[in-house]
Amino acid sequence: MVTSTEIGVSDQVKNRRRARSRPRWFHPTVPGVLLALRNGPAYPSDLAVTLGVSRQVMSNQLACLRGCGLVEAVSEGRRASYRLTEEHLTSALGELLHVTLAVEPDCCTGAGCTCA
């Protein structure tokens, strides 16, 4: 079997491919979209303005969330608004806002840190 290294594909190209195939969950816009939709349906252009991203970025994020089954589009004439697919997602997102993260103050100090 021929590997990508043997055919001359650089590490940089392989990293770009990996980044493209990575789920869009890692984009910082995703939590903002979910929290905004917790308050009710919204248009993509309004979400983009609210979250300070381009319409293209918002379109990509909504497509990802739609593909995951978390949001759905509702046609309204020539436009479509988006909403959470399940009512329980609204309450679950609300509960996550109340989670308190406890950070161990002695963690990650020194060369022997094993937290990463």
Protein backbone atom coordinates (compact mmCIF):
# COMPACT_ATOMS: atom_id res chain seq x y z
CA MET A 1 0.00 0.00 0.00
CA VAL A 2 1.31 3.44 -0.92
CA THR A 3 1.16 6.05 1.85
CA SER A 4 0.62 9.76 1.43
CA THR A 5 4.21 10.38 2.50
CA GLU A 6 5.51 8.13 -0.23
CA ILE A 7 3.60 9.99 -2.92
CA GLY A 8 4.82 13.37 -1.70
CA VAL A 9 1.79 14.83 0.08
CA SER A 10 3.15 17.28 2.61
CA ASP A 11 2.09 17.42 6.25
CA GLN A 12 0.58 20.82 5.57
CA VAL A 13 -1.77 19.39 2.94
CA LYS A 14 -2.71 16.49 5.22
CA ASN A 15 -3.50 18.94 8.05
CA ARG A 16 -5.73 21.01 5.76
CA ARG A 17 -7.60 17.88 4.75
CA ARG A 18 -8.03 16.90 8.39
CA ALA A 19 -9.34 20.39 9.25
CA ARG A 20 -11.90 20.26 6.42
CA SER A 21 -13.17 16.86 7.52
CA ARG A 22 -13.39 17.87 11.20
CA PRO A 23 -16.95 18.43 12.34
CA ARG A 24 -18.00 22.07 12.51
CA TRP A 25 -18.85 21.52 16.17
CA PHE A 26 -15.45 22.98 16.91
CA HIS A 27 -16.36 26.37 15.46
CA PRO A 28 -16.93 28.97 18.20
CA THR A 29 -20.19 30.07 16.56
CA VAL A 30 -22.04 26.81 17.32
CA PRO A 31 -22.81 27.49 21.01
CA GLY A 32 -24.00 31.00 20.13
CA VAL A 33 -26.36 29.67 17.47
CA LEU A 34 -27.85 27.10 19.82
CA LEU A 35 -28.26 29.61 22.63
CA ALA A 36 -29.83 32.18 20.30
CA LEU A 37 -32.32 29.61 19.00
CA ARG A 38 -33.18 28.71 22.58
CA ASN A 39 -35.07 32.01 22.64
CA GLY A 40 -37.11 31.09 19.57
CA PRO A 41 -36.85 30.84 15.77
CA ALA A 42 -34.52 33.22 13.95
CA TYR A 43 -33.45 34.08 10.43
CA PRO A 44 -29.89 33.24 9.38
CA SER A 45 -29.11 36.87 8.53
CA ASP A 46 -30.24 38.00 11.99
CA LEU A 47 -28.17 35.28 13.65
CA ALA A 48 -25.12 36.31 11.61
CA VAL A 49 -25.46 39.93 12.73
CA THR A 50 -26.10 38.99 16.35
CA LEU A 51 -23.07 36.68 16.49
CA GLY A 52 -20.82 38.90 14.39
CA VAL A 53 -20.07 36.41 11.61
CA SER A 54 -20.58 36.43 7.86
CA ARG A 55 -23.71 34.99 6.30
CA GLN A 56 -21.58 32.27 4.71
CA VAL A 57 -20.23 31.17 8.11
CA MET A 58 -23.74 31.18 9.52
CA SER A 59 -25.02 29.14 6.57
CA ASN A 60 -22.29 26.56 7.12
CA GLN A 61 -23.02 26.31 10.84
CA LEU A 62 -26.77 25.94 10.30
CA ALA A 63 -26.17 23.26 7.66
CA CYS A 64 -24.00 21.35 10.13
CA LEU A 65 -26.54 21.66 12.95
CA ARG A 66 -29.34 20.70 10.56
CA GLY A 67 -27.37 17.64 9.48
CA CYS A 68 -26.96 16.66 13.13
CA GLY A 69 -30.70 16.97 13.68
CA LEU A 70 -30.44 19.81 16.20
CA VAL A 71 -32.09 22.56 14.13
CA GLU A 72 -34.65 22.63 11.37
CA ALA A 73 -35.59 25.15 8.73
CA VAL A 74 -39.13 26.47 8.55
CA SER A 75 -40.10 27.93 5.16
CA GLU A 76 -41.82 31.28 5.33
CA GLY A 77 -42.45 32.32 1.73
CA ARG A 78 -39.08 33.07 0.15
CA ARG A 79 -37.26 33.02 3.48
CA ALA A 80 -36.61 30.34 6.04
CA SER A 81 -36.18 30.69 9.76
CA TYR A 82 -34.42 28.14 11.94
CA ARG A 83 -35.48 26.64 15.24
CA LEU A 84 -34.37 23.89 17.58
CA THR A 85 -35.85 20.56 16.57
CA GLU A 86 -36.78 19.35 20.02
CA GLU A 87 -38.46 21.24 22.86
CA HIS A 88 -36.27 19.51 25.44
CA LEU A 89 -33.16 21.03 23.81
CA THR A 90 -34.33 24.44 25.02
CA SER A 91 -34.45 23.33 28.64
CA ALA A 92 -31.23 21.31 28.33
CA LEU A 93 -29.34 24.35 27.00
CA GLY A 94 -30.79 26.42 29.84
CA GLU A 95 -29.53 23.90 32.37
CA LEU A 96 -26.06 23.95 30.84
CA LEU A 97 -25.91 27.68 31.48
CA HIS A 98 -26.16 26.93 35.20
CA VAL A 99 -23.26 24.46 35.28
CA THR A 100 -20.37 25.64 37.42
CA LEU A 101 -16.94 24.53 36.36
CA ALA A 102 -14.59 23.78 39.25
CA VAL A 103 -10.97 24.28 38.32
CA GLU A 104 -8.23 22.65 40.35
CA PRO A 105 -5.83 25.50 41.18
CA ASP A 106 -2.80 23.19 41.42
CA CYS A 107 -3.46 21.63 38.03
CA CYS A 108 -1.08 22.34 35.17
CA THR A 109 1.69 23.82 37.19
CA GLY A 110 5.16 22.66 36.35
CA ALA A 111 6.76 20.44 33.78
CA GLY A 112 5.11 17.28 35.12
CA CYS A 113 1.57 18.39 34.37
CA THR A 114 -0.64 15.55 33.12
CA CYS A 115 -3.85 17.55 32.57
CA ALA A 116 -3.37 18.06 28.84
